[in-house]
Amino acid sequence: MSKDRKTPELRREGLRQKELNNPSSSIHGSNTSDLAGSINWKGTGILILLIIVGFIIYAVFFR
């Protein structure tokens, strides 16, 4: 398959593989796109809930 004939899915997968080969500066070498994938749905829900509660506290005390 030539480079011009690759489907968008194959191009995205190739870019994702390149990005995974270049680890970021975090401890585990993962990037931010892996954050939600590495924690389960409960952890993601708690993270969203903490962001909402933080915003409410900010709105109450700093306005």
C-alpha atoms as a PDB file:
ATOM      1  CA  MET A   1       0.000   0.000   0.000  1.00  0.00           C
ATOM      2  CA  SER A   2       1.449   3.365  -0.939  1.00  0.00           C
ATOM      3  CA  LYS A   3       1.603   6.245   1.486  1.00  0.00           C
ATOM      4  CA  ASP A   4      -1.147   8.149  -0.374  1.00  0.00           C
ATOM      5  CA  ARG A   5      -3.555   5.204  -0.301  1.00  0.00           C
ATOM      6  CA  LYS A   6      -3.628   4.705   3.486  1.00  0.00           C
ATOM      7  CA  THR A   7      -7.006   5.028   5.088  1.00  0.00           C
ATOM      8  CA  PRO A   8      -7.511   7.684   7.778  1.00  0.00           C
ATOM      9  CA  GLU A   9      -7.709   4.929  10.389  1.00  0.00           C
ATOM     10  CA  LEU A  10      -4.296   3.572   9.405  1.00  0.00           C
ATOM     11  CA  ARG A  11      -2.785   7.068   9.425  1.00  0.00           C
ATOM     12  CA  ARG A  12      -4.188   7.762  12.905  1.00  0.00           C
ATOM     13  CA  GLU A  13      -2.903   4.440  14.182  1.00  0.00           C
ATOM     14  CA  GLY A  14       0.548   5.141  12.761  1.00  0.00           C
ATOM     15  CA  LEU A  15       0.640   8.566  14.426  1.00  0.00           C
ATOM     16  CA  ARG A  16      -0.524   7.039  17.709  1.00  0.00           C
ATOM     17  CA  GLN A  17       2.230   4.417  17.548  1.00  0.00           C
ATOM     18  CA  LYS A  18       4.851   7.118  16.902  1.00  0.00           C
ATOM     19  CA  GLU A  19       3.569   9.117  19.858  1.00  0.00           C
ATOM     20  CA  LEU A  20       3.719   6.064  22.130  1.00  0.00           C
ATOM     21  CA  ASN A  21       7.344   5.480  21.120  1.00  0.00           C
ATOM     22  CA  ASN A  22       8.286   8.987  22.341  1.00  0.00           C
ATOM     23  CA  PRO A  23       7.549   8.926  26.078  1.00  0.00           C
ATOM     24  CA  SER A  24       6.742  12.187  27.805  1.00  0.00           C
ATOM     25  CA  SER A  25       8.406  13.438  30.958  1.00  0.00           C
ATOM     26  CA  SER A  26       6.017  11.712  33.354  1.00  0.00           C
ATOM     27  CA  ILE A  27       7.084   8.861  35.607  1.00  0.00           C
ATOM     28  CA  HIS A  28       5.422   6.109  33.581  1.00  0.00           C
ATOM     29  CA  GLY A  29       6.207   7.626  30.196  1.00  0.00           C
ATOM     30  CA  SER A  30       2.540   7.974  29.255  1.00  0.00           C
ATOM     31  CA  ASN A  31       0.884  11.005  27.760  1.00  0.00           C
ATOM     32  CA  THR A  32      -2.299  12.839  28.680  1.00  0.00           C
ATOM     33  CA  SER A  33      -4.344  10.951  26.107  1.00  0.00           C
ATOM     34  CA  ASP A  34      -3.709   7.794  28.145  1.00  0.00           C
ATOM     35  CA  LEU A  35      -4.938   9.366  31.409  1.00  0.00           C
ATOM     36  CA  ALA A  36      -8.623   8.545  31.011  1.00  0.00           C
ATOM     37  CA  GLY A  37      -7.798   5.170  29.488  1.00  0.00           C
ATOM     38  CA  SER A  38      -5.559   4.146  32.342  1.00  0.00           C
ATOM     39  CA  ILE A  39      -8.115   4.727  35.114  1.00  0.00           C
ATOM     40  CA  ASN A  40     -11.455   2.962  35.267  1.00  0.00           C
ATOM     41  CA  TRP A  41     -14.880   4.583  34.936  1.00  0.00           C
ATOM     42  CA  LYS A  42     -15.162   5.147  38.686  1.00  0.00           C
ATOM     43  CA  GLY A  43     -11.878   7.011  38.787  1.00  0.00           C
ATOM     44  CA  THR A  44     -12.917   9.149  35.820  1.00  0.00           C
ATOM     45  CA  GLY A  45     -16.234   9.955  37.545  1.00  0.00           C
ATOM     46  CA  ILE A  46     -14.477  10.936  40.762  1.00  0.00           C
ATOM     47  CA  LEU A  47     -12.077  13.159  38.814  1.00  0.00           C
ATOM     48  CA  ILE A  48     -14.974  14.929  37.085  1.00  0.00           C
ATOM     49  CA  LEU A  49     -16.813  15.283  40.400  1.00  0.00           C
ATOM     50  CA  LEU A  50     -13.734  16.843  42.026  1.00  0.00           C
ATOM     51  CA  ILE A  51     -13.425  19.340  39.184  1.00  0.00           C
ATOM     52  CA  ILE A  52     -17.094  20.339  39.573  1.00  0.00           C
ATOM     53  CA  VAL A  53     -16.810  20.664  43.371  1.00  0.00           C
ATOM     54  CA  GLY A  54     -13.629  22.710  42.977  1.00  0.00           C
ATOM     55  CA  PHE A  55     -15.364  25.052  40.571  1.00  0.00           C
ATOM     56  CA  ILE A  56     -18.309  25.500  42.969  1.00  0.00           C
ATOM     57  CA  ILE A  57     -15.965  26.275  45.879  1.00  0.00           C
ATOM     58  CA  TYR A  58     -14.082  28.759  43.704  1.00  0.00           C
ATOM     59  CA  ALA A  59     -17.330  30.410  42.632  1.00  0.00           C
ATOM     60  CA  VAL A  60     -18.565  30.750  46.237  1.00  0.00           C
ATOM     61  CA  PHE A  61     -15.382  32.138  47.796  1.00  0.00           C
ATOM     62  CA  PHE A  62     -13.905  34.241  44.995  1.00  0.00           C
ATOM     63  CA  ARG A  63     -16.949  36.040  43.619  1.00  0.00           C
END
